[in-house]
């Protein structure tokens, strides 16, 4: 029996393959949808195929990874995909079933918004503190406060508040008096 594998033609099914006239779902897409590691999905597929008596090479394939190594991959038809995920949690099964419904209906799923990555707050604070140190005419407290405000803007975390520092001690403890306070010391008005 000759096995023909080709990419499906619609954008909605870019990860779906057509094998001998039927659509399939790749083990890589199953891993992505369920949040499982691909090697764990491969292990589950191989166990399932052995349990149901299907030939592993019939559904096997490969892909080239980011490190330019060839890695195994499986392309399962709908019934075997359902059989595989029947052992998974209900929320993961639902993701797979909804994806199959998208593949069959030809609808294009809404693109995922790009994930905005925030830097770690400790790294952001140290970097901003080093930038603030280059600014002239600011003492150490002002530099720390500027770095903390910048960290809060970038990461949503104020490191000083996180550590319970509601205020910083001034480098020199000079107490200034108002004219009224000076006058009281000399029994005169301000």
N, C-alpha and C. Protein backbone atom coordinates (compact mmCIF):
# COMPACT_ATOMS: atom_id res chain seq x y z
N UNK A 1 0.85 -1.18 0.00
CA UNK A 1 0.00 0.00 0.00
C UNK A 1 0.89 1.24 0.00
N UNK A 2 0.63 2.15 -0.89
CA UNK A 2 1.39 3.39 -0.98
C UNK A 2 0.73 4.45 -0.11
N UNK A 3 1.53 5.12 0.68
CA UNK A 3 1.04 6.14 1.59
C UNK A 3 1.43 7.50 1.04
N UNK A 4 0.42 8.31 0.73
CA UNK A 4 0.72 9.64 0.20
C UNK A 4 0.45 10.66 1.29
N UNK A 5 1.41 11.52 1.51
CA UNK A 5 1.27 12.57 2.52
C UNK A 5 1.49 13.89 1.83
N UNK A 6 0.55 14.80 2.04
CA UNK A 6 0.70 16.14 1.48
C UNK A 6 0.09 17.14 2.43
N UNK A 7 0.54 18.36 2.35
CA UNK A 7 -0.01 19.43 3.18
C UNK A 7 -1.40 19.79 2.68
N UNK A 8 -2.30 20.05 3.63
CA UNK A 8 -3.63 20.49 3.25
C UNK A 8 -3.52 21.91 2.70
N UNK A 9 -4.47 22.30 1.88
CA UNK A 9 -4.31 23.54 1.13
C UNK A 9 -4.87 24.79 1.80
N UNK A 10 -5.72 24.67 2.79
CA UNK A 10 -6.31 25.87 3.36
C UNK A 10 -5.48 26.37 4.53
N UNK A 11 -5.49 27.69 4.77
CA UNK A 11 -4.70 28.24 5.87
C UNK A 11 -5.15 27.71 7.22
N UNK A 12 -6.43 27.38 7.35
CA UNK A 12 -6.94 26.90 8.64
C UNK A 12 -6.39 25.54 8.98
N UNK A 13 -5.90 24.82 7.98
CA UNK A 13 -5.42 23.47 8.24
C UNK A 13 -3.93 23.35 7.97
N UNK A 14 -3.19 24.39 8.29
CA UNK A 14 -1.76 24.36 7.97
C UNK A 14 -1.02 23.26 8.72
N UNK A 15 -1.51 22.85 9.89
CA UNK A 15 -0.86 21.77 10.62
C UNK A 15 -1.48 20.42 10.31
N UNK A 16 -2.56 20.42 9.57
CA UNK A 16 -3.22 19.16 9.25
C UNK A 16 -2.59 18.57 8.00
N UNK A 17 -2.47 17.28 7.98
CA UNK A 17 -1.96 16.58 6.80
C UNK A 17 -3.09 15.75 6.23
N UNK A 18 -2.97 15.45 4.97
CA UNK A 18 -3.93 14.56 4.34
C UNK A 18 -3.22 13.26 4.01
N UNK A 19 -3.68 12.18 4.57
CA UNK A 19 -3.11 10.87 4.30
C UNK A 19 -4.19 10.03 3.64
N UNK A 20 -3.92 9.62 2.43
CA UNK A 20 -4.85 8.76 1.67
C UNK A 20 -6.27 9.31 1.74
N UNK A 21 -6.42 10.60 1.55
CA UNK A 21 -7.74 11.21 1.46
C UNK A 21 -8.33 11.65 2.78
N UNK A 22 -7.69 11.39 3.93
CA UNK A 22 -8.24 11.81 5.21
C UNK A 22 -7.32 12.76 5.94
N UNK A 23 -7.88 13.70 6.70
CA UNK A 23 -7.08 14.67 7.44
C UNK A 23 -6.47 14.00 8.66
N UNK A 24 -5.33 14.54 9.09
CA UNK A 24 -4.68 14.06 10.29
C UNK A 24 -4.26 15.23 11.15
N UNK A 25 -3.90 14.92 12.39
CA UNK A 25 -3.36 15.93 13.30
C UNK A 25 -2.00 15.44 13.74
N UNK A 26 -1.02 16.32 13.71
CA UNK A 26 0.34 15.91 14.06
C UNK A 26 0.52 15.84 15.57
N UNK A 27 1.47 15.03 15.98
CA UNK A 27 1.79 14.91 17.40
C UNK A 27 2.31 16.24 17.93
N UNK A 28 2.95 17.03 17.09
CA UNK A 28 3.44 18.34 17.52
C UNK A 28 2.28 19.28 17.84
N UNK A 29 1.23 19.24 17.02
CA UNK A 29 0.08 20.09 17.30
C UNK A 29 -0.66 19.61 18.55
N UNK A 30 -0.75 18.30 18.73
CA UNK A 30 -1.38 17.76 19.94
C UNK A 30 -0.60 18.24 21.17
N UNK A 31 0.72 18.19 21.09
CA UNK A 31 1.55 18.66 22.21
C UNK A 31 1.31 20.14 22.48
N UNK A 32 1.22 20.93 21.42
CA UNK A 32 1.00 22.36 21.58
C UNK A 32 -0.37 22.65 22.19
N UNK A 33 -1.40 21.97 21.72
CA UNK A 33 -2.75 22.21 22.21
C UNK A 33 -2.93 21.78 23.66
N UNK A 34 -2.27 20.68 24.04
CA UNK A 34 -2.45 20.15 25.39
C UNK A 34 -1.44 20.69 26.38
N UNK A 35 -0.39 21.36 25.88
CA UNK A 35 0.64 21.86 26.78
C UNK A 35 1.58 20.78 27.27
N UNK A 36 1.56 19.63 26.63
CA UNK A 36 2.44 18.53 27.02
C UNK A 36 3.73 18.61 26.22
N UNK A 37 4.78 18.02 26.74
CA UNK A 37 6.03 17.92 25.99
C UNK A 37 5.84 16.97 24.83
N UNK A 38 6.46 17.28 23.68
CA UNK A 38 6.28 16.47 22.48
C UNK A 38 6.76 15.04 22.70
N UNK A 39 7.87 14.86 23.40
CA UNK A 39 8.35 13.50 23.63
C UNK A 39 7.39 12.68 24.48
N UNK A 40 6.64 13.33 25.37
CA UNK A 40 5.63 12.62 26.15
C UNK A 40 4.44 12.23 25.27
N UNK A 41 4.06 13.11 24.36
CA UNK A 41 2.97 12.78 23.43
C UNK A 41 3.39 11.62 22.54
N UNK A 42 4.64 11.62 22.06
CA UNK A 42 5.16 10.52 21.24
C UNK A 42 5.05 9.20 22.02
N UNK A 43 5.49 9.24 23.28
CA UNK A 43 5.41 8.05 24.13
C UNK A 43 3.97 7.56 24.26
N UNK A 44 3.03 8.48 24.49
CA UNK A 44 1.62 8.11 24.62
C UNK A 44 1.08 7.52 23.32
N UNK A 45 1.48 8.09 22.18
CA UNK A 45 1.02 7.60 20.88
C UNK A 45 1.54 6.19 20.63
N UNK A 46 2.81 5.96 20.90
CA UNK A 46 3.39 4.64 20.66
C UNK A 46 2.72 3.59 21.54
N UNK A 47 2.43 3.93 22.79
CA UNK A 47 1.73 2.99 23.68
C UNK A 47 0.33 2.72 23.17
N UNK A 48 -0.38 3.80 22.76
CA UNK A 48 -1.75 3.64 22.28
C UNK A 48 -1.78 2.79 21.01
N UNK A 49 -0.86 3.04 20.07
CA UNK A 49 -0.83 2.25 18.83
C UNK A 49 -0.56 0.78 19.13
N UNK A 50 0.32 0.52 20.10
CA UNK A 50 0.57 -0.88 20.47
C UNK A 50 -0.67 -1.50 21.11
N UNK A 51 -1.38 -0.74 21.93
CA UNK A 51 -2.58 -1.25 22.60
C UNK A 51 -3.71 -1.56 21.62
N UNK A 52 -3.86 -0.74 20.57
CA UNK A 52 -4.95 -0.97 19.62
C UNK A 52 -4.52 -1.83 18.43
N UNK A 53 -3.25 -2.20 18.37
CA UNK A 53 -2.77 -3.09 17.33
C UNK A 53 -2.54 -2.43 15.98
N UNK A 54 -2.25 -1.15 15.97
CA UNK A 54 -1.96 -0.45 14.72
C UNK A 54 -0.45 -0.45 14.49
N UNK A 55 -0.06 -0.37 13.25
CA UNK A 55 1.35 -0.35 12.89
C UNK A 55 1.90 1.05 13.11
N UNK A 56 2.96 1.16 13.87
CA UNK A 56 3.57 2.45 14.17
C UNK A 56 4.05 3.16 12.91
N UNK A 57 4.78 2.47 11.98
CA UNK A 57 5.27 3.18 10.80
C UNK A 57 4.17 3.76 9.91
N UNK A 58 2.98 3.21 10.00
CA UNK A 58 1.87 3.68 9.17
C UNK A 58 1.56 5.16 9.43
N UNK A 59 1.78 5.61 10.64
CA UNK A 59 1.46 6.99 11.02
C UNK A 59 2.71 7.81 11.32
N UNK A 60 3.87 7.19 11.24
CA UNK A 60 5.11 7.86 11.61
C UNK A 60 5.61 8.83 10.56
N UNK A 61 6.35 9.77 10.99
CA UNK A 61 7.00 10.74 10.13
C UNK A 61 8.14 11.37 10.89
N UNK A 62 8.64 12.46 10.40
CA UNK A 62 9.72 13.15 11.10
C UNK A 62 9.68 14.63 10.72
N UNK A 63 10.38 15.40 11.51
CA UNK A 63 10.52 16.83 11.24
C UNK A 63 11.92 17.25 11.67
N UNK A 64 12.36 18.38 11.17
CA UNK A 64 13.69 18.89 11.53
C UNK A 64 13.49 19.93 12.63
N UNK A 65 14.13 19.69 13.78
CA UNK A 65 14.01 20.58 14.92
C UNK A 65 14.81 21.85 14.75
N UNK A 66 14.72 22.71 15.73
CA UNK A 66 15.43 24.00 15.69
C UNK A 66 16.94 23.80 15.67
N UNK A 67 17.41 22.67 16.22
CA UNK A 67 18.85 22.40 16.23
C UNK A 67 19.30 21.58 15.03
N UNK A 68 18.45 21.54 13.98
CA UNK A 68 18.74 20.83 12.72
C UNK A 68 18.90 19.32 12.88
N UNK A 69 18.26 18.75 13.90
CA UNK A 69 18.25 17.29 14.04
C UNK A 69 16.89 16.77 13.63
N UNK A 70 16.88 15.58 13.06
CA UNK A 70 15.61 14.97 12.65
C UNK A 70 14.98 14.29 13.86
N UNK A 71 13.71 14.59 14.09
CA UNK A 71 13.00 14.06 15.25
C UNK A 71 11.74 13.36 14.79
N UNK A 72 11.29 12.36 15.56
CA UNK A 72 10.08 11.63 15.17
C UNK A 72 8.83 12.48 15.37
N UNK A 73 7.83 12.16 14.58
CA UNK A 73 6.54 12.85 14.64
C UNK A 73 5.48 11.86 14.15
N UNK A 74 4.27 11.97 14.64
CA UNK A 74 3.18 11.12 14.17
C UNK A 74 2.07 11.98 13.63
N UNK A 75 1.36 11.45 12.64
CA UNK A 75 0.22 12.12 12.05
C UNK A 75 -0.97 11.18 12.19
N UNK A 76 -1.87 11.51 13.12
CA UNK A 76 -2.96 10.61 13.46
C UNK A 76 -4.27 11.06 12.82
N UNK A 77 -5.07 10.11 12.34
CA UNK A 77 -6.41 10.45 11.89
C UNK A 77 -7.29 10.77 13.11
N UNK A 78 -8.47 11.25 12.84
CA UNK A 78 -9.35 11.71 13.92
C UNK A 78 -9.63 10.62 14.95
N UNK A 79 -9.98 9.41 14.51
CA UNK A 79 -10.35 8.38 15.48
C UNK A 79 -9.20 8.05 16.43
N UNK A 80 -7.97 7.98 15.91
CA UNK A 80 -6.84 7.68 16.78
C UNK A 80 -6.45 8.89 17.64
N UNK A 81 -6.69 10.08 17.13
CA UNK A 81 -6.45 11.27 17.96
C UNK A 81 -7.40 11.26 19.15
N UNK A 82 -8.67 10.97 18.90
CA UNK A 82 -9.66 10.89 19.99
C UNK A 82 -9.29 9.77 20.97
N UNK A 83 -8.85 8.65 20.43
CA UNK A 83 -8.45 7.52 21.28
C UNK A 83 -7.28 7.93 22.17
N UNK A 84 -6.33 8.66 21.60
CA UNK A 84 -5.16 9.10 22.37
C UNK A 84 -5.59 10.02 23.50
N UNK A 85 -6.37 11.03 23.20
CA UNK A 85 -6.69 12.03 24.21
C UNK A 85 -7.79 11.60 25.15
N UNK A 86 -8.38 10.43 24.92
CA UNK A 86 -9.41 9.93 25.84
C UNK A 86 -8.81 9.72 27.23
N UNK A 87 -7.51 9.48 27.30
CA UNK A 87 -6.86 9.32 28.59
C UNK A 87 -6.38 10.62 29.20
N UNK A 88 -6.55 11.73 28.50
CA UNK A 88 -6.11 13.02 29.00
C UNK A 88 -7.24 13.69 29.78
N UNK A 89 -6.92 14.78 30.45
CA UNK A 89 -7.92 15.52 31.21
C UNK A 89 -9.00 16.06 30.28
N UNK A 90 -10.15 16.33 30.84
CA UNK A 90 -11.31 16.79 30.05
C UNK A 90 -11.02 18.10 29.32
N UNK A 91 -10.34 19.05 29.96
CA UNK A 91 -10.07 20.33 29.30
C UNK A 91 -9.14 20.15 28.10
N UNK A 92 -8.21 19.19 28.19
CA UNK A 92 -7.31 18.93 27.06
C UNK A 92 -8.05 18.23 25.94
N UNK A 93 -8.94 17.30 26.29
CA UNK A 93 -9.75 16.62 25.26
C UNK A 93 -10.59 17.64 24.50
N UNK A 94 -11.17 18.59 25.24
CA UNK A 94 -12.00 19.60 24.60
C UNK A 94 -11.21 20.44 23.61
N UNK A 95 -9.97 20.81 23.95
CA UNK A 95 -9.13 21.58 23.01
C UNK A 95 -8.91 20.81 21.72
N UNK A 96 -8.64 19.52 21.84
CA UNK A 96 -8.40 18.69 20.65
C UNK A 96 -9.67 18.58 19.81
N UNK A 97 -10.79 18.35 20.46
CA UNK A 97 -12.06 18.21 19.73
C UNK A 97 -12.40 19.51 19.01
N UNK A 98 -12.23 20.64 19.68
CA UNK A 98 -12.51 21.92 19.03
C UNK A 98 -11.58 22.16 17.85
N UNK A 99 -10.33 21.76 17.98
CA UNK A 99 -9.40 21.92 16.85
C UNK A 99 -9.83 21.05 15.68
N UNK A 100 -10.27 19.82 15.94
CA UNK A 100 -10.76 18.97 14.85
C UNK A 100 -11.97 19.60 14.17
N UNK A 101 -12.84 20.20 14.97
CA UNK A 101 -14.01 20.86 14.38
C UNK A 101 -13.58 22.01 13.47
N UNK A 102 -12.54 22.76 13.88
CA UNK A 102 -12.01 23.82 13.02
C UNK A 102 -11.45 23.25 11.73
N UNK A 103 -10.70 22.14 11.85
CA UNK A 103 -10.10 21.53 10.67
C UNK A 103 -11.17 21.06 9.68
N UNK A 104 -12.23 20.47 10.21
CA UNK A 104 -13.27 19.95 9.33
C UNK A 104 -14.13 21.04 8.72
N UNK A 105 -14.39 22.11 9.47
CA UNK A 105 -15.24 23.16 8.94
C UNK A 105 -14.47 24.13 8.05
N UNK A 106 -13.15 24.13 8.17
CA UNK A 106 -12.34 25.02 7.35
C UNK A 106 -12.30 26.44 7.86
N UNK A 107 -12.78 26.67 9.09
CA UNK A 107 -12.73 28.02 9.64
C UNK A 107 -11.33 28.31 10.12
N UNK A 108 -10.96 29.56 9.99
CA UNK A 108 -9.65 29.98 10.43
C UNK A 108 -9.76 30.44 11.88
N UNK A 109 -8.99 29.84 12.77
CA UNK A 109 -9.07 30.28 14.16
C UNK A 109 -8.50 31.69 14.31
N UNK A 110 -9.03 32.40 15.28
CA UNK A 110 -8.54 33.76 15.53
C UNK A 110 -7.08 33.67 15.97
N UNK A 111 -6.25 34.54 15.43
CA UNK A 111 -4.84 34.48 15.81
C UNK A 111 -4.67 34.83 17.28
N UNK A 112 -3.73 34.16 17.92
CA UNK A 112 -3.45 34.45 19.32
C UNK A 112 -2.72 35.78 19.38
N UNK A 113 -3.10 36.62 20.35
CA UNK A 113 -2.36 37.88 20.48
C UNK A 113 -0.93 37.58 20.89
N UNK A 114 0.01 38.37 20.41
CA UNK A 114 1.39 38.10 20.80
C UNK A 114 1.57 38.28 22.30
N UNK A 115 2.31 37.38 22.88
CA UNK A 115 2.54 37.42 24.31
C UNK A 115 3.58 38.48 24.61
N UNK A 116 3.21 39.43 25.43
CA UNK A 116 4.14 40.49 25.79
C UNK A 116 4.93 40.01 27.00
N UNK A 117 6.22 39.87 26.77
CA UNK A 117 7.09 39.38 27.83
C UNK A 117 7.62 40.54 28.66
N UNK A 118 7.52 40.39 29.95
CA UNK A 118 8.05 41.39 30.86
C UNK A 118 9.37 40.89 31.42
N UNK A 119 10.32 41.79 31.59
CA UNK A 119 11.59 41.34 32.17
C UNK A 119 11.42 41.01 33.65
N UNK A 120 12.31 40.24 34.20
CA UNK A 120 12.30 39.96 35.63
C UNK A 120 12.53 41.28 36.37
N UNK A 121 11.79 41.49 37.45
CA UNK A 121 11.85 42.80 38.09
C UNK A 121 13.23 43.07 38.69
N UNK A 122 13.93 42.05 39.18
CA UNK A 122 15.25 42.30 39.77
C UNK A 122 16.26 42.72 38.71
N UNK A 123 16.17 42.11 37.54
CA UNK A 123 17.06 42.48 36.43
C UNK A 123 16.74 43.90 35.96
N UNK A 124 15.45 44.20 35.82
CA UNK A 124 15.05 45.54 35.38
C UNK A 124 15.51 46.59 36.39
N UNK A 125 15.36 46.30 37.67
CA UNK A 125 15.76 47.27 38.70
C UNK A 125 17.26 47.54 38.63
N UNK A 126 18.07 46.48 38.55
CA UNK A 126 19.53 46.68 38.49
C UNK A 126 19.93 47.48 37.25
N UNK A 127 19.31 47.17 36.13
CA UNK A 127 19.65 47.90 34.90
C UNK A 127 19.24 49.37 35.00
N UNK A 128 18.05 49.62 35.51
CA UNK A 128 17.59 51.01 35.64
C UNK A 128 18.41 51.77 36.68
N UNK A 129 18.84 51.07 37.71
CA UNK A 129 19.67 51.71 38.72
C UNK A 129 21.02 52.11 38.12
N UNK A 130 21.56 51.27 37.24
CA UNK A 130 22.83 51.63 36.60
C UNK A 130 22.64 52.81 35.64
N UNK A 131 21.48 52.90 35.01
CA UNK A 131 21.21 54.06 34.14
C UNK A 131 21.04 55.31 34.99
N UNK A 132 20.31 55.20 36.11
CA UNK A 132 20.09 56.36 36.98
C UNK A 132 21.39 56.86 37.57
N UNK A 133 22.36 55.98 37.77
CA UNK A 133 23.66 56.38 38.34
C UNK A 133 24.41 57.31 37.39
N UNK A 134 24.10 57.26 36.12
CA UNK A 134 24.79 58.11 35.15
C UNK A 134 24.19 59.52 35.09
N UNK A 135 23.03 59.72 35.69
CA UNK A 135 22.38 61.04 35.65
C UNK A 135 23.05 61.97 36.66
N UNK A 136 23.36 63.19 36.24
CA UNK A 136 24.03 64.13 37.17
C UNK A 136 23.03 64.74 38.14
N UNK A 137 23.54 65.17 39.28
CA UNK A 137 22.79 65.94 40.28
C UNK A 137 21.68 65.16 40.97
N UNK A 138 21.80 63.86 41.06
CA UNK A 138 20.83 63.06 41.80
C UNK A 138 21.58 62.25 42.85
N UNK A 139 21.11 62.30 44.10
CA UNK A 139 21.78 61.50 45.13
C UNK A 139 21.32 60.03 45.01
N UNK A 140 21.90 59.17 45.85
CA UNK A 140 21.62 57.74 45.76
C UNK A 140 20.15 57.43 46.00
N UNK A 141 19.52 58.12 46.93
CA UNK A 141 18.09 57.87 47.19
C UNK A 141 17.24 58.20 45.97
N UNK A 142 17.52 59.32 45.34
CA UNK A 142 16.75 59.70 44.16
C UNK A 142 16.95 58.67 43.05
N UNK A 143 18.18 58.19 42.89
CA UNK A 143 18.45 57.17 41.87
C UNK A 143 17.68 55.88 42.16
N UNK A 144 17.66 55.47 43.41
CA UNK A 144 16.91 54.26 43.79
C UNK A 144 15.42 54.42 43.55
N UNK A 145 14.91 55.59 43.91
CA UNK A 145 13.47 55.84 43.71
C UNK A 145 13.12 55.86 42.22
N UNK A 146 13.99 56.48 41.40
CA UNK A 146 13.73 56.49 39.95
C UNK A 146 13.77 55.07 39.38
N UNK A 147 14.74 54.26 39.82
CA UNK A 147 14.86 52.88 39.35
C UNK A 147 13.63 52.07 39.78
N UNK A 148 13.14 52.31 40.99
CA UNK A 148 11.96 51.59 41.48
C UNK A 148 10.72 51.97 40.68
N UNK A 149 10.55 53.27 40.37
CA UNK A 149 9.40 53.70 39.57
C UNK A 149 9.48 53.12 38.16
N UNK A 150 10.68 53.11 37.58
CA UNK A 150 10.85 52.54 36.25
C UNK A 150 10.56 51.04 36.23
N UNK A 151 11.00 50.35 37.27
CA UNK A 151 10.74 48.91 37.38
C UNK A 151 9.24 48.66 37.48
N UNK A 152 8.56 49.51 38.23
CA UNK A 152 7.10 49.35 38.36
C UNK A 152 6.41 49.53 37.01
N UNK A 153 6.87 50.49 36.22
CA UNK A 153 6.29 50.71 34.90
C UNK A 153 6.55 49.53 33.96
N UNK A 154 7.77 48.99 34.00
CA UNK A 154 8.14 47.89 33.10
C UNK A 154 7.55 46.55 33.52
N UNK A 155 7.57 46.27 34.83
CA UNK A 155 7.24 44.93 35.31
C UNK A 155 5.98 44.85 36.15
N UNK A 156 5.47 45.99 36.57
CA UNK A 156 4.28 45.96 37.43
C UNK A 156 4.62 45.67 38.89
N UNK A 157 5.91 45.69 39.23
CA UNK A 157 6.35 45.40 40.60
C UNK A 157 7.24 46.54 41.06
N UNK A 158 6.93 47.11 42.24
CA UNK A 158 7.81 48.10 42.84
C UNK A 158 8.68 47.37 43.85
N UNK A 159 9.98 47.22 43.55
CA UNK A 159 10.83 46.42 44.44
C UNK A 159 10.94 46.99 45.85
N UNK A 160 10.86 48.31 46.01
CA UNK A 160 10.94 48.89 47.34
C UNK A 160 9.70 48.54 48.17
N UNK A 161 8.52 48.62 47.57
CA UNK A 161 7.30 48.23 48.27
C UNK A 161 7.29 46.74 48.58
N UNK A 162 7.83 45.96 47.65
CA UNK A 162 7.90 44.51 47.84
C UNK A 162 8.72 44.16 49.08
N UNK A 163 9.75 44.94 49.33
CA UNK A 163 10.61 44.71 50.49
C UNK A 163 10.13 45.45 51.74
N UNK A 164 9.02 46.16 51.62
CA UNK A 164 8.46 46.88 52.77
C UNK A 164 9.13 48.21 53.05
N UNK A 165 9.90 48.73 52.11
CA UNK A 165 10.56 50.02 52.30
C UNK A 165 9.61 51.12 51.84
N UNK A 166 8.91 51.72 52.80
CA UNK A 166 7.96 52.77 52.45
C UNK A 166 8.66 54.11 52.28
N UNK A 167 9.87 54.23 52.83
CA UNK A 167 10.65 55.45 52.65
C UNK A 167 12.13 55.10 52.74
N UNK A 168 12.95 55.99 52.26
CA UNK A 168 14.40 55.81 52.32
C UNK A 168 14.99 56.85 53.24
N UNK A 169 15.99 56.47 54.00
CA UNK A 169 16.64 57.40 54.92
C UNK A 169 17.53 58.33 54.11
N UNK A 170 17.42 59.62 54.40
CA UNK A 170 18.23 60.61 53.70
C UNK A 170 19.69 60.44 54.11
N UNK A 171 20.62 60.70 53.18
CA UNK A 171 22.04 60.53 53.49
C UNK A 171 22.52 61.46 54.62
N UNK A 172 21.99 62.65 54.70
CA UNK A 172 22.34 63.55 55.80
C UNK A 172 21.05 63.95 56.50
N UNK A 173 21.09 63.92 57.82
CA UNK A 173 19.89 64.16 58.62
C UNK A 173 19.82 65.63 59.06
N UNK A 174 19.58 66.52 58.12
CA UNK A 174 19.47 67.94 58.42
C UNK A 174 17.99 68.25 58.62
N UNK A 175 17.70 68.84 59.78
CA UNK A 175 16.32 69.23 60.06
C UNK A 175 16.21 70.74 59.87
N UNK A 176 15.37 71.13 58.96
CA UNK A 176 15.14 72.54 58.71
C UNK A 176 13.93 72.99 59.50
N UNK A 177 14.00 74.22 60.02
CA UNK A 177 12.90 74.76 60.80
C UNK A 177 12.20 75.85 60.01
N UNK A 178 10.91 75.95 60.24
CA UNK A 178 10.14 77.02 59.62
C UNK A 178 10.38 78.31 60.41
N UNK A 179 10.05 79.46 59.83
CA UNK A 179 10.21 80.73 60.58
C UNK A 179 9.44 80.73 61.90
N UNK A 180 8.29 80.10 61.92
CA UNK A 180 7.50 80.06 63.15
C UNK A 180 8.21 79.24 64.21
N UNK A 181 8.81 78.10 63.80
CA UNK A 181 9.52 77.26 64.76
C UNK A 181 10.78 77.96 65.29
N UNK A 182 11.45 78.71 64.43
CA UNK A 182 12.61 79.48 64.87
C UNK A 182 12.19 80.56 65.87
N UNK A 183 11.11 81.23 65.58
CA UNK A 183 10.62 82.29 66.46
C UNK A 183 10.26 81.75 67.83
N UNK A 184 9.69 80.57 67.90
CA UNK A 184 9.32 79.98 69.21
C UNK A 184 10.56 79.75 70.07
N UNK A 185 11.69 79.40 69.45
CA UNK A 185 12.90 79.17 70.22
C UNK A 185 13.43 80.46 70.85
N UNK A 186 13.14 81.59 70.25
CA UNK A 186 13.62 82.88 70.76
C UNK A 186 12.48 83.73 71.34
N UNK A 187 11.35 83.14 71.52
CA UNK A 187 10.17 83.82 72.07
C UNK A 187 9.79 85.06 71.27
N UNK A 188 9.87 84.96 69.93
CA UNK A 188 9.44 86.03 69.06
C UNK A 188 8.55 85.41 67.98
N UNK A 189 7.86 86.27 67.24
CA UNK A 189 7.02 85.76 66.15
C UNK A 189 7.87 85.47 64.92
N UNK A 190 7.32 84.69 64.04
CA UNK A 190 8.02 84.32 62.81
C UNK A 190 8.25 85.52 61.93
